[in-house]
């Protein structure tokens, strides 16, 4: 949807990262950068539980962000209209329990 509306490939991972043995790390880091806030990460980790093999990976990756390497949340994307940013943020919220439903998404002003 972002590509169609704004001609931006925000989830594209460079080929060298995508072909790396740990390609999942690069993809997941992008998702955490764009769609995860602290509350969302905490709720998601609670949702998946400590036994999930990605629990520690997510903790490790979320700690790679800081002042010199900040997250780039969808709310800060200048290339999207405010209503589309709102919809994308609500549809991609990291914790699935906090995401809007498909019915709610279709009722969003972007689809009017």
PDB file of N, CA and C in Angstrom:
ATOM      1  N   UNK A   1       0.825  -1.183   0.000  1.00  0.00           N
ATOM      2  CA  UNK A   1       0.000   0.000   0.000  1.00  0.00           C
ATOM      3  C   UNK A   1       0.874   1.254   0.000  1.00  0.00           C
ATOM      4  N   UNK A   2       1.947   1.244   0.786  1.00  0.00           N
ATOM      5  CA  UNK A   2       2.836   2.404   0.828  1.00  0.00           C
ATOM      6  C   UNK A   2       3.481   2.611  -0.540  1.00  0.00           C
ATOM      7  N   UNK A   3       3.883   1.534  -1.179  1.00  0.00           N
ATOM      8  CA  UNK A   3       4.498   1.670  -2.502  1.00  0.00           C
ATOM      9  C   UNK A   3       3.503   2.237  -3.512  1.00  0.00           C
ATOM     10  N   UNK A   4       2.279   1.748  -3.498  1.00  0.00           N
ATOM     11  CA  UNK A   4       1.267   2.212  -4.448  1.00  0.00           C
ATOM     12  C   UNK A   4       0.933   3.679  -4.210  1.00  0.00           C
ATOM     13  N   UNK A   5       0.783   4.078  -2.967  1.00  0.00           N
ATOM     14  CA  UNK A   5       0.354   5.438  -2.648  1.00  0.00           C
ATOM     15  C   UNK A   5       1.494   6.463  -2.687  1.00  0.00           C
ATOM     16  N   UNK A   6       2.713   6.033  -2.383  1.00  0.00           N
ATOM     17  CA  UNK A   6       3.812   7.000  -2.262  1.00  0.00           C
ATOM     18  C   UNK A   6       5.033   6.651  -3.105  1.00  0.00           C
ATOM     19  N   UNK A   7       4.980   5.520  -3.804  1.00  0.00           N
ATOM     20  CA  UNK A   7       6.096   5.076  -4.637  1.00  0.00           C
ATOM     21  C   UNK A   7       7.388   4.945  -3.822  1.00  0.00           C
ATOM     22  N   UNK A   8       7.248   4.447  -2.606  1.00  0.00           N
ATOM     23  CA  UNK A   8       8.388   4.227  -1.710  1.00  0.00           C
ATOM     24  C   UNK A   8       8.427   2.756  -1.312  1.00  0.00           C
ATOM     25  N   UNK A   9       9.600   2.134  -1.461  1.00  0.00           N
ATOM     26  CA  UNK A   9       9.775   0.727  -1.078  1.00  0.00           C
ATOM     27  C   UNK A   9      10.430   0.669   0.301  1.00  0.00           C
ATOM     28  N   UNK A  10       9.675   1.002   1.312  1.00  0.00           N
ATOM     29  CA  UNK A  10      10.231   1.139   2.658  1.00  0.00           C
ATOM     30  C   UNK A  10      10.679  -0.174   3.274  1.00  0.00           C
ATOM     31  N   UNK A  11      10.111  -1.282   2.861  1.00  0.00           N
ATOM     32  CA  UNK A  11      10.486  -2.573   3.445  1.00  0.00           C
ATOM     33  C   UNK A  11      11.539  -3.304   2.630  1.00  0.00           C
ATOM     34  N   UNK A  12      12.118  -2.630   1.667  1.00  0.00           N
ATOM     35  CA  UNK A  12      13.152  -3.276   0.855  1.00  0.00           C
ATOM     36  C   UNK A  12      14.442  -3.367   1.650  1.00  0.00           C
ATOM     37  N   UNK A  13      14.968  -4.568   1.697  1.00  0.00           N
ATOM     38  CA  UNK A  13      16.239  -4.832   2.357  1.00  0.00           C
ATOM     39  C   UNK A  13      17.289  -4.946   1.259  1.00  0.00           C
ATOM     40  N   UNK A  14      18.448  -4.287   1.406  1.00  0.00           N
ATOM     41  CA  UNK A  14      19.479  -4.404   0.381  1.00  0.00           C
ATOM     42  C   UNK A  14      19.839  -5.864   0.101  1.00  0.00           C
ATOM     43  N   UNK A  15      20.179  -6.155  -1.145  1.00  0.00           N
ATOM     44  CA  UNK A  15      20.449  -7.529  -1.565  1.00  0.00           C
ATOM     45  C   UNK A  15      21.490  -8.229  -0.700  1.00  0.00           C
ATOM     46  N   UNK A  16      22.567  -7.530  -0.334  1.00  0.00           N
ATOM     47  CA  UNK A  16      23.609  -8.179   0.473  1.00  0.00           C
ATOM     48  C   UNK A  16      23.081  -8.599   1.844  1.00  0.00           C
ATOM     49  N   UNK A  17      22.149  -7.834   2.408  1.00  0.00           N
ATOM     50  CA  UNK A  17      21.537  -8.214   3.680  1.00  0.00           C
ATOM     51  C   UNK A  17      20.505  -9.319   3.480  1.00  0.00           C
ATOM     52  N   UNK A  18      19.753  -9.224   2.392  1.00  0.00           N
ATOM     53  CA  UNK A  18      18.728 -10.220   2.122  1.00  0.00           C
ATOM     54  C   UNK A  18      19.334 -11.587   1.814  1.00  0.00           C
ATOM     55  N   UNK A  19      20.522 -11.602   1.242  1.00  0.00           N
ATOM     56  CA  UNK A  19      21.194 -12.853   0.905  1.00  0.00           C
ATOM     57  C   UNK A  19      22.118 -13.347   2.014  1.00  0.00           C
ATOM     58  N   UNK A  20      22.192 -12.618   3.103  1.00  0.00           N
ATOM     59  CA  UNK A  20      23.049 -13.019   4.230  1.00  0.00           C
ATOM     60  C   UNK A  20      22.430 -14.197   4.971  1.00  0.00           C
ATOM     61  N   UNK A  21      23.271 -14.907   5.676  1.00  0.00           N
ATOM     62  CA  UNK A  21      22.805 -16.057   6.458  1.00  0.00           C
ATOM     63  C   UNK A  21      21.780 -15.636   7.516  1.00  0.00           C
ATOM     64  N   UNK A  22      21.957 -14.431   8.056  1.00  0.00           N
ATOM     65  CA  UNK A  22      21.027 -13.924   9.074  1.00  0.00           C
ATOM     66  C   UNK A  22      20.093 -12.869   8.484  1.00  0.00           C
ATOM     67  N   UNK A  23      19.586 -13.109   7.291  1.00  0.00           N
ATOM     68  CA  UNK A  23      18.722 -12.138   6.611  1.00  0.00           C
ATOM     69  C   UNK A  23      17.502 -11.774   7.456  1.00  0.00           C
ATOM     70  N   UNK A  24      17.003 -12.734   8.214  1.00  0.00           N
ATOM     71  CA  UNK A  24      15.838 -12.464   9.068  1.00  0.00           C
ATOM     72  C   UNK A  24      16.110 -11.294  10.006  1.00  0.00           C
ATOM     73  N   UNK A  25      17.380 -11.171  10.461  1.00  0.00           N
ATOM     74  CA  UNK A  25      17.756 -10.106  11.395  1.00  0.00           C
ATOM     75  C   UNK A  25      17.556  -8.724  10.759  1.00  0.00           C
ATOM     76  N   UNK A  26      17.912  -8.597   9.502  1.00  0.00           N
ATOM     77  CA  UNK A  26      17.788  -7.314   8.810  1.00  0.00           C
ATOM     78  C   UNK A  26      16.320  -6.968   8.548  1.00  0.00           C
ATOM     79  N   UNK A  27      15.544  -7.964   8.173  1.00  0.00           N
ATOM     80  CA  UNK A  27      14.114  -7.752   7.926  1.00  0.00           C
ATOM     81  C   UNK A  27      13.407  -7.390   9.227  1.00  0.00           C
ATOM     82  N   UNK A  28      13.662  -8.136  10.278  1.00  0.00           N
ATOM     83  CA  UNK A  28      13.018  -7.884  11.563  1.00  0.00           C
ATOM     84  C   UNK A  28      13.422  -6.524  12.127  1.00  0.00           C
ATOM     85  N   UNK A  29      14.671  -6.124  11.934  1.00  0.00           N
ATOM     86  CA  UNK A  29      15.122  -4.826  12.430  1.00  0.00           C
ATOM     87  C   UNK A  29      14.354  -3.688  11.750  1.00  0.00           C
ATOM     88  N   UNK A  30      14.112  -3.820  10.443  1.00  0.00           N
ATOM     89  CA  UNK A  30      13.308  -2.814   9.744  1.00  0.00           C
ATOM     90  C   UNK A  30      11.911  -2.726  10.335  1.00  0.00           C
ATOM     91  N   UNK A  31      11.296  -3.869  10.561  1.00  0.00           N
ATOM     92  CA  UNK A  31       9.951  -3.891  11.135  1.00  0.00           C
ATOM     93  C   UNK A  31       9.942  -3.240  12.514  1.00  0.00           C
ATOM     94  N   UNK A  32      10.942  -3.529  13.325  1.00  0.00           N
ATOM     95  CA  UNK A  32      11.020  -2.914  14.646  1.00  0.00           C
ATOM     96  C   UNK A  32      11.230  -1.407  14.539  1.00  0.00           C
ATOM     97  N   UNK A  33      12.009  -0.980  13.580  1.00  0.00           N
ATOM     98  CA  UNK A  33      12.252   0.440  13.384  1.00  0.00           C
ATOM     99  C   UNK A  33      10.975   1.180  13.001  1.00  0.00           C
ATOM    100  N   UNK A  34      10.219   0.606  12.099  1.00  0.00           N
ATOM    101  CA  UNK A  34       9.045   1.280  11.550  1.00  0.00           C
ATOM    102  C   UNK A  34       7.784   1.112  12.384  1.00  0.00           C
ATOM    103  N   UNK A  35       7.583  -0.063  12.967  1.00  0.00           N
ATOM    104  CA  UNK A  35       6.268  -0.411  13.514  1.00  0.00           C
ATOM    105  C   UNK A  35       6.251  -0.720  15.006  1.00  0.00           C
ATOM    106  N   UNK A  36       7.356  -0.562  15.707  1.00  0.00           N
ATOM    107  CA  UNK A  36       7.401  -0.946  17.124  1.00  0.00           C
ATOM    108  C   UNK A  36       7.761   0.239  18.001  1.00  0.00           C
ATOM    109  N   UNK A  37       6.909   0.509  18.961  1.00  0.00           N
ATOM    110  CA  UNK A  37       7.277   1.437  20.020  1.00  0.00           C
ATOM    111  C   UNK A  37       7.534   0.599  21.276  1.00  0.00           C
ATOM    112  N   UNK A  38       8.000   1.220  22.325  1.00  0.00           N
ATOM    113  CA  UNK A  38       8.367   0.467  23.534  1.00  0.00           C
ATOM    114  C   UNK A  38       7.172  -0.326  24.065  1.00  0.00           C
ATOM    115  N   UNK A  39       6.018   0.320  24.164  1.00  0.00           N
ATOM    116  CA  UNK A  39       4.842  -0.377  24.664  1.00  0.00           C
ATOM    117  C   UNK A  39       4.475  -1.550  23.757  1.00  0.00           C
ATOM    118  N   UNK A  40       4.545  -1.335  22.448  1.00  0.00           N
ATOM    119  CA  UNK A  40       4.229  -2.404  21.504  1.00  0.00           C
ATOM    120  C   UNK A  40       5.190  -3.573  21.612  1.00  0.00           C
ATOM    121  N   UNK A  41       6.470  -3.284  21.791  1.00  0.00           N
ATOM    122  CA  UNK A  41       7.465  -4.352  21.949  1.00  0.00           C
ATOM    123  C   UNK A  41       7.194  -5.130  23.229  1.00  0.00           C
ATOM    124  N   UNK A  42       6.948  -4.413  24.316  1.00  0.00           N
ATOM    125  CA  UNK A  42       6.679  -5.091  25.586  1.00  0.00           C
ATOM    126  C   UNK A  42       5.444  -5.983  25.477  1.00  0.00           C
ATOM    127  N   UNK A  43       4.392  -5.464  24.868  1.00  0.00           N
ATOM    128  CA  UNK A  43       3.158  -6.244  24.720  1.00  0.00           C
ATOM    129  C   UNK A  43       3.365  -7.429  23.780  1.00  0.00           C
ATOM    130  N   UNK A  44       4.146  -7.229  22.717  1.00  0.00           N
ATOM    131  CA  UNK A  44       4.414  -8.318  21.780  1.00  0.00           C
ATOM    132  C   UNK A  44       5.230  -9.420  22.444  1.00  0.00           C
ATOM    133  N   UNK A  45       6.252  -9.042  23.204  1.00  0.00           N
ATOM    134  CA  UNK A  45       7.063 -10.035  23.903  1.00  0.00           C
ATOM    135  C   UNK A  45       6.228 -10.810  24.908  1.00  0.00           C
ATOM    136  N   UNK A  46       5.331 -10.117  25.581  1.00  0.00           N
ATOM    137  CA  UNK A  46       4.410 -10.789  26.495  1.00  0.00           C
ATOM    138  C   UNK A  46       3.528 -11.767  25.712  1.00  0.00           C
ATOM    139  N   UNK A  47       3.098 -11.349  24.547  1.00  0.00           N
ATOM    140  CA  UNK A  47       2.217 -12.162  23.690  1.00  0.00           C
ATOM    141  C   UNK A  47       2.911 -13.450  23.214  1.00  0.00           C
ATOM    142  N   UNK A  48       4.177 -13.335  22.778  1.00  0.00           N
ATOM    143  CA  UNK A  48       4.859 -14.526  22.246  1.00  0.00           C
ATOM    144  C   UNK A  48       5.473 -15.387  23.347  1.00  0.00           C
ATOM    145  N   UNK A  49       5.825 -14.784  24.476  1.00  0.00           N
ATOM    146  CA  UNK A  49       6.393 -15.535  25.601  1.00  0.00           C
ATOM    147  C   UNK A  49       7.883 -15.782  25.460  1.00  0.00           C
ATOM    148  N   UNK A  50       8.534 -15.967  26.580  1.00  0.00           N
ATOM    149  CA  UNK A  50       9.990 -16.128  26.626  1.00  0.00           C
ATOM    150  C   UNK A  50      10.476 -17.391  25.925  1.00  0.00           C
ATOM    151  N   UNK A  51       9.632 -18.381  25.756  1.00  0.00           N
ATOM    152  CA  UNK A  51      10.048 -19.627  25.110  1.00  0.00           C
ATOM    153  C   UNK A  51      10.139 -19.479  23.586  1.00  0.00           C
ATOM    154  N   UNK A  52       9.545 -18.436  23.049  1.00  0.00           N
ATOM    155  CA  UNK A  52       9.598 -18.223  21.611  1.00  0.00           C
ATOM    156  C   UNK A  52      11.049 -17.964  21.194  1.00  0.00           C
ATOM    157  N   UNK A  53      11.527 -18.610  20.123  1.00  0.00           N
ATOM    158  CA  UNK A  53      12.926 -18.433  19.714  1.00  0.00           C
ATOM    159  C   UNK A  53      13.278 -16.999  19.313  1.00  0.00           C
ATOM    160  N   UNK A  54      12.286 -16.177  19.003  1.00  0.00           N
ATOM    161  CA  UNK A  54      12.575 -14.790  18.609  1.00  0.00           C
ATOM    162  C   UNK A  54      12.521 -13.821  19.780  1.00  0.00           C
ATOM    163  N   UNK A  55      12.144 -14.274  20.956  1.00  0.00           N
ATOM    164  CA  UNK A  55      12.038 -13.404  22.125  1.00  0.00           C
ATOM    165  C   UNK A  55      13.355 -12.661  22.373  1.00  0.00           C
ATOM    166  N   UNK A  56      14.435 -13.394  22.529  1.00  0.00           N
ATOM    167  CA  UNK A  56      15.748 -12.778  22.796  1.00  0.00           C
ATOM    168  C   UNK A  56      16.250 -11.982  21.594  1.00  0.00           C
ATOM    169  N   UNK A  57      15.955 -12.458  20.390  1.00  0.00           N
ATOM    170  CA  UNK A  57      16.374 -11.748  19.174  1.00  0.00           C
ATOM    171  C   UNK A  57      15.748 -10.362  19.114  1.00  0.00           C
ATOM    172  N   UNK A  58      14.469 -10.278  19.461  1.00  0.00           N
ATOM    173  CA  UNK A  58      13.786  -8.987  19.438  1.00  0.00           C
ATOM    174  C   UNK A  58      14.379  -8.055  20.489  1.00  0.00           C
ATOM    175  N   UNK A  59      14.636  -8.581  21.675  1.00  0.00           N
ATOM    176  CA  UNK A  59      15.273  -7.761  22.719  1.00  0.00           C
ATOM    177  C   UNK A  59      16.627  -7.245  22.249  1.00  0.00           C
ATOM    178  N   UNK A  60      17.394  -8.114  21.640  1.00  0.00           N
ATOM    179  CA  UNK A  60      18.716  -7.720  21.148  1.00  0.00           C
ATOM    180  C   UNK A  60      18.596  -6.639  20.075  1.00  0.00           C
ATOM    181  N   UNK A  61      17.693  -6.833  19.119  1.00  0.00           N
ATOM    182  CA  UNK A  61      17.557  -5.879  18.018  1.00  0.00           C
ATOM    183  C   UNK A  61      16.983  -4.541  18.468  1.00  0.00           C
ATOM    184  N   UNK A  62      16.028  -4.553  19.374  1.00  0.00           N
ATOM    185  CA  UNK A  62      15.428  -3.293  19.820  1.00  0.00           C
ATOM    186  C   UNK A  62      16.459  -2.452  20.563  1.00  0.00           C
ATOM    187  N   UNK A  63      17.440  -3.105  21.168  1.00  0.00           N
ATOM    188  CA  UNK A  63      18.493  -2.383  21.884  1.00  0.00           C
ATOM    189  C   UNK A  63      19.567  -1.826  20.957  1.00  0.00           C
ATOM    190  N   UNK A  64      19.481  -2.084  19.661  1.00  0.00           N
ATOM    191  CA  UNK A  64      20.448  -1.511  18.714  1.00  0.00           C
ATOM    192  C   UNK A  64      20.069  -0.093  18.312  1.00  0.00           C
ATOM    193  N   UNK A  65      18.871   0.346  18.692  1.00  0.00           N
ATOM    194  CA  UNK A  65      18.448   1.709  18.369  1.00  0.00           C
ATOM    195  C   UNK A  65      18.883   2.656  19.470  1.00  0.00           C
ATOM    196  N   UNK A  66      19.238   3.845  19.078  1.00  0.00           N
ATOM    197  CA  UNK A  66      19.651   4.863  20.033  1.00  0.00           C
ATOM    198  C   UNK A  66      19.807   6.186  19.319  1.00  0.00           C
ATOM    199  N   UNK A  67      20.363   7.184  19.993  1.00  0.00           N
ATOM    200  CA  UNK A  67      20.491   8.521  19.392  1.00  0.00           C
ATOM    201  C   UNK A  67      21.279   8.525  18.075  1.00  0.00           C
ATOM    202  N   UNK A  68      22.295   7.694  17.989  1.00  0.00           N
ATOM    203  CA  UNK A  68      23.107   7.646  16.768  1.00  0.00           C
ATOM    204  C   UNK A  68      22.494   6.757  15.692  1.00  0.00           C
ATOM    205  N   UNK A  69      21.527   5.952  16.073  1.00  0.00           N
ATOM    206  CA  UNK A  69      20.877   5.021  15.154  1.00  0.00           C
ATOM    207  C   UNK A  69      19.393   4.929  15.531  1.00  0.00           C
ATOM    208  N   UNK A  70      18.647   6.031  15.322  1.00  0.00           N
ATOM    209  CA  UNK A  70      17.270   6.073  15.814  1.00  0.00           C
ATOM    210  C   UNK A  70      16.306   5.219  14.996  1.00  0.00           C
ATOM    211  N   UNK A  71      15.198   4.861  15.627  1.00  0.00           N
ATOM    212  CA  UNK A  71      14.108   4.211  14.916  1.00  0.00           C
ATOM    213  C   UNK A  71      13.532   5.204  13.911  1.00  0.00           C
ATOM    214  N   UNK A  72      12.839   4.690  12.916  1.00  0.00           N
ATOM    215  CA  UNK A  72      12.198   5.534  11.910  1.00  0.00           C
ATOM    216  C   UNK A  72      10.716   5.174  11.828  1.00  0.00           C
ATOM    217  N   UNK A  73       9.964   5.480  12.887  1.00  0.00           N
ATOM    218  CA  UNK A  73       8.566   5.060  12.925  1.00  0.00           C
ATOM    219  C   UNK A  73       7.738   5.684  11.810  1.00  0.00           C
ATOM    220  N   UNK A  74       6.732   4.944  11.406  1.00  0.00           N
ATOM    221  CA  UNK A  74       5.858   5.368  10.318  1.00  0.00           C
ATOM    222  C   UNK A  74       5.276   6.754  10.579  1.00  0.00           C
ATOM    223  N   UNK A  75       5.056   7.098  11.823  1.00  0.00           N
ATOM    224  CA  UNK A  75       4.498   8.402  12.161  1.00  0.00           C
ATOM    225  C   UNK A  75       5.387   9.553  11.707  1.00  0.00           C
ATOM    226  N   UNK A  76       6.665   9.298  11.460  1.00  0.00           N
ATOM    227  CA  UNK A  76       7.606  10.341  11.047  1.00  0.00           C
ATOM    228  C   UNK A  76       7.857  10.360   9.539  1.00  0.00           C
ATOM    229  N   UNK A  77       7.211   9.497   8.803  1.00  0.00           N
ATOM    230  CA  UNK A  77       7.435   9.452   7.365  1.00  0.00           C
ATOM    231  C   UNK A  77       6.793  10.663   6.694  1.00  0.00           C
ATOM    232  N   UNK A  78       7.614  11.546   6.154  1.00  0.00           N
ATOM    233  CA  UNK A  78       7.123  12.765   5.502  1.00  0.00           C
ATOM    234  C   UNK A  78       6.468  12.506   4.154  1.00  0.00           C
ATOM    235  N   UNK A  79       6.738  11.386   3.547  1.00  0.00           N
ATOM    236  CA  UNK A  79       6.248  11.122   2.199  1.00  0.00           C
ATOM    237  C   UNK A  79       4.827  10.554   2.169  1.00  0.00           C
ATOM    238  N   UNK A  80       4.197  10.365   3.332  1.00  0.00           N
ATOM    239  CA  UNK A  80       2.822   9.884   3.389  1.00  0.00           C
ATOM    240  C   UNK A  80       1.898  10.972   3.915  1.00  0.00           C
ATOM    241  N   UNK A  81       0.683  10.988   3.394  1.00  0.00           N
ATOM    242  CA  UNK A  81      -0.342  11.884   3.907  1.00  0.00           C
ATOM    243  C   UNK A  81      -0.677  11.472   5.346  1.00  0.00           C
ATOM    244  N   UNK A  82      -1.078  12.410   6.191  1.00  0.00           N
ATOM    245  CA  UNK A  82      -1.364  12.093   7.603  1.00  0.00           C
ATOM    246  C   UNK A  82      -2.369  10.953   7.794  1.00  0.00           C
ATOM    247  N   UNK A  83      -3.433  10.931   7.021  1.00  0.00           N
ATOM    248  CA  UNK A  83      -4.426   9.865   7.186  1.00  0.00           C
ATOM    249  C   UNK A  83      -3.852   8.502   6.823  1.00  0.00           C
ATOM    250  N   UNK A  84      -3.013   8.453   5.786  1.00  0.00           N
ATOM    251  CA  UNK A  84      -2.400   7.183   5.392  1.00  0.00           C
ATOM    252  C   UNK A  84      -1.386   6.733   6.438  1.00  0.00           C
ATOM    253  N   UNK A  85      -0.630   7.670   6.998  1.00  0.00           N
ATOM    254  CA  UNK A  85       0.294   7.319   8.087  1.00  0.00           C
ATOM    255  C   UNK A  85      -0.464   6.705   9.249  1.00  0.00           C
ATOM    256  N   UNK A  86      -1.581   7.315   9.587  1.00  0.00           N
ATOM    257  CA  UNK A  86      -2.400   6.812  10.691  1.00  0.00           C
ATOM    258  C   UNK A  86      -2.878   5.392  10.404  1.00  0.00           C
ATOM    259  N   UNK A  87      -3.367   5.151   9.197  1.00  0.00           N
ATOM    260  CA  UNK A  87      -3.847   3.819   8.831  1.00  0.00           C
ATOM    261  C   UNK A  87      -2.724   2.791   8.860  1.00  0.00           C
ATOM    262  N   UNK A  88      -1.587   3.121   8.259  1.00  0.00           N
ATOM    263  CA  UNK A  88      -0.458   2.186   8.226  1.00  0.00           C
ATOM    264  C   UNK A  88       0.005   1.875   9.643  1.00  0.00           C
ATOM    265  N   UNK A  89       0.106   2.886  10.491  1.00  0.00           N
ATOM    266  CA  UNK A  89       0.533   2.666  11.878  1.00  0.00           C
ATOM    267  C   UNK A  89      -0.437   1.747  12.616  1.00  0.00           C
ATOM    268  N   UNK A  90      -1.725   1.940  12.399  1.00  0.00           N
ATOM    269  CA  UNK A  90      -2.728   1.116  13.083  1.00  0.00           C
ATOM    270  C   UNK A  90      -2.754  -0.317  12.549  1.00  0.00           C
ATOM    271  N   UNK A  91      -2.474  -0.479  11.261  1.00  0.00           N
ATOM    272  CA  UNK A  91      -2.499  -1.815  10.654  1.00  0.00           C
ATOM    273  C   UNK A  91      -1.237  -2.616  10.961  1.00  0.00           C
ATOM    274  N   UNK A  92      -0.153  -1.942  11.279  1.00  0.00           N
ATOM    275  CA  UNK A  92       1.122  -2.626  11.451  1.00  0.00           C
ATOM    276  C   UNK A  92       1.631  -2.606  12.894  1.00  0.00           C
ATOM    277  N   UNK A  93       0.799  -2.198  13.818  1.00  0.00           N
ATOM    278  CA  UNK A  93       1.205  -2.176  15.223  1.00  0.00           C
ATOM    279  C   UNK A  93       1.777  -3.544  15.593  1.00  0.00           C
ATOM    280  N   UNK A  94       2.925  -3.560  16.214  1.00  0.00           N
ATOM    281  CA  UNK A  94       3.652  -4.810  16.449  1.00  0.00           C
ATOM    282  C   UNK A  94       2.839  -5.860  17.202  1.00  0.00           C
ATOM    283  N   UNK A  95       2.195  -5.475  18.265  1.00  0.00           N
ATOM    284  CA  UNK A  95       1.401  -6.436  19.037  1.00  0.00           C
ATOM    285  C   UNK A  95       0.071  -6.658  18.321  1.00  0.00           C
ATOM    286  N   UNK A  96      -0.209  -7.871  17.875  1.00  0.00           N
ATOM    287  CA  UNK A  96      -1.435  -8.115  17.110  1.00  0.00           C
ATOM    288  C   UNK A  96      -2.710  -7.769  17.878  1.00  0.00           C
ATOM    289  N   UNK A  97      -2.642  -7.795  19.200  1.00  0.00           N
ATOM    290  CA  UNK A  97      -3.831  -7.449  19.989  1.00  0.00           C
ATOM    291  C   UNK A  97      -4.144  -5.961  19.926  1.00  0.00           C
ATOM    292  N   UNK A  98      -3.179  -5.147  19.493  1.00  0.00           N
ATOM    293  CA  UNK A  98      -3.377  -3.703  19.400  1.00  0.00           C
ATOM    294  C   UNK A  98      -3.645  -3.214  17.992  1.00  0.00           C
ATOM    295  N   UNK A  99      -3.604  -4.102  17.010  1.00  0.00           N
ATOM    296  CA  UNK A  99      -3.865  -3.715  15.620  1.00  0.00           C
ATOM    297  C   UNK A  99      -5.351  -3.547  15.375  1.00  0.00           C
ATOM    298  N   UNK A 100      -5.659  -2.721  14.393  1.00  0.00           N
ATOM    299  CA  UNK A 100      -7.062  -2.611  14.014  1.00  0.00           C
ATOM    300  C   UNK A 100      -7.452  -3.840  13.199  1.00  0.00           C
ATOM    301  N   UNK A 101      -8.722  -4.139  13.209  1.00  0.00           N
ATOM    302  CA  UNK A 101      -9.225  -5.264  12.420  1.00  0.00           C
ATOM    303  C   UNK A 101      -9.362  -4.840  10.964  1.00  0.00           C
ATOM    304  N   UNK A 102      -9.553  -5.796  10.081  1.00  0.00           N
ATOM    305  CA  UNK A 102      -9.743  -5.459   8.670  1.00  0.00           C
ATOM    306  C   UNK A 102     -11.009  -4.623   8.489  1.00  0.00           C
ATOM    307  N   UNK A 103     -12.041  -4.918   9.257  1.00  0.00           N
ATOM    308  CA  UNK A 103     -13.272  -4.134   9.179  1.00  0.00           C
ATOM    309  C   UNK A 103     -13.001  -2.690   9.595  1.00  0.00           C
ATOM    310  N   UNK A 104     -12.264  -2.509  10.692  1.00  0.00           N
ATOM    311  CA  UNK A 104     -11.916  -1.157  11.140  1.00  0.00           C
ATOM    312  C   UNK A 104     -11.054  -0.445  10.102  1.00  0.00           C
ATOM    313  N   UNK A 105     -10.137  -1.177   9.481  1.00  0.00           N
ATOM    314  CA  UNK A 105      -9.283  -0.578   8.455  1.00  0.00           C
ATOM    315  C   UNK A 105     -10.115  -0.093   7.282  1.00  0.00           C
ATOM    316  N   UNK A 106     -11.077  -0.898   6.843  1.00  0.00           N
ATOM    317  CA  UNK A 106     -11.923  -0.504   5.707  1.00  0.00           C
ATOM    318  C   UNK A 106     -12.840   0.663   6.041  1.00  0.00           C
ATOM    319  N   UNK A 107     -13.062   0.906   7.326  1.00  0.00           N
ATOM    320  CA  UNK A 107     -13.876   2.033   7.741  1.00  0.00           C
ATOM    321  C   UNK A 107     -13.037   3.298   7.957  1.00  0.00           C
ATOM    322  N   UNK A 108     -11.726   3.180   7.813  1.00  0.00           N
ATOM    323  CA  UNK A 108     -10.815   4.300   8.005  1.00  0.00           C
ATOM    324  C   UNK A 108     -11.049   5.355   6.909  1.00  0.00           C
ATOM    325  N   UNK A 109     -10.842   6.631   7.224  1.00  0.00           N
ATOM    326  CA  UNK A 109     -11.049   7.698   6.228  1.00  0.00           C
ATOM    327  C   UNK A 109     -10.271   7.492   4.919  1.00  0.00           C
ATOM    328  N   UNK A 110      -9.163   6.785   4.957  1.00  0.00           N
ATOM    329  CA  UNK A 110      -8.404   6.539   3.710  1.00  0.00           C
ATOM    330  C   UNK A 110      -9.206   5.785   2.680  1.00  0.00           C
ATOM    331  N   UNK A 111     -10.155   4.995   3.116  1.00  0.00           N
ATOM    332  CA  UNK A 111     -10.933   4.186   2.190  1.00  0.00           C
ATOM    333  C   UNK A 111     -12.292   4.812   1.842  1.00  0.00           C
ATOM    334  N   UNK A 112     -12.518   6.021   2.297  1.00  0.00           N
ATOM    335  CA  UNK A 112     -13.781   6.693   1.970  1.00  0.00           C
ATOM    336  C   UNK A 112     -13.677   7.400   0.644  1.00  0.00           C
TER     337      UNK A 112
END
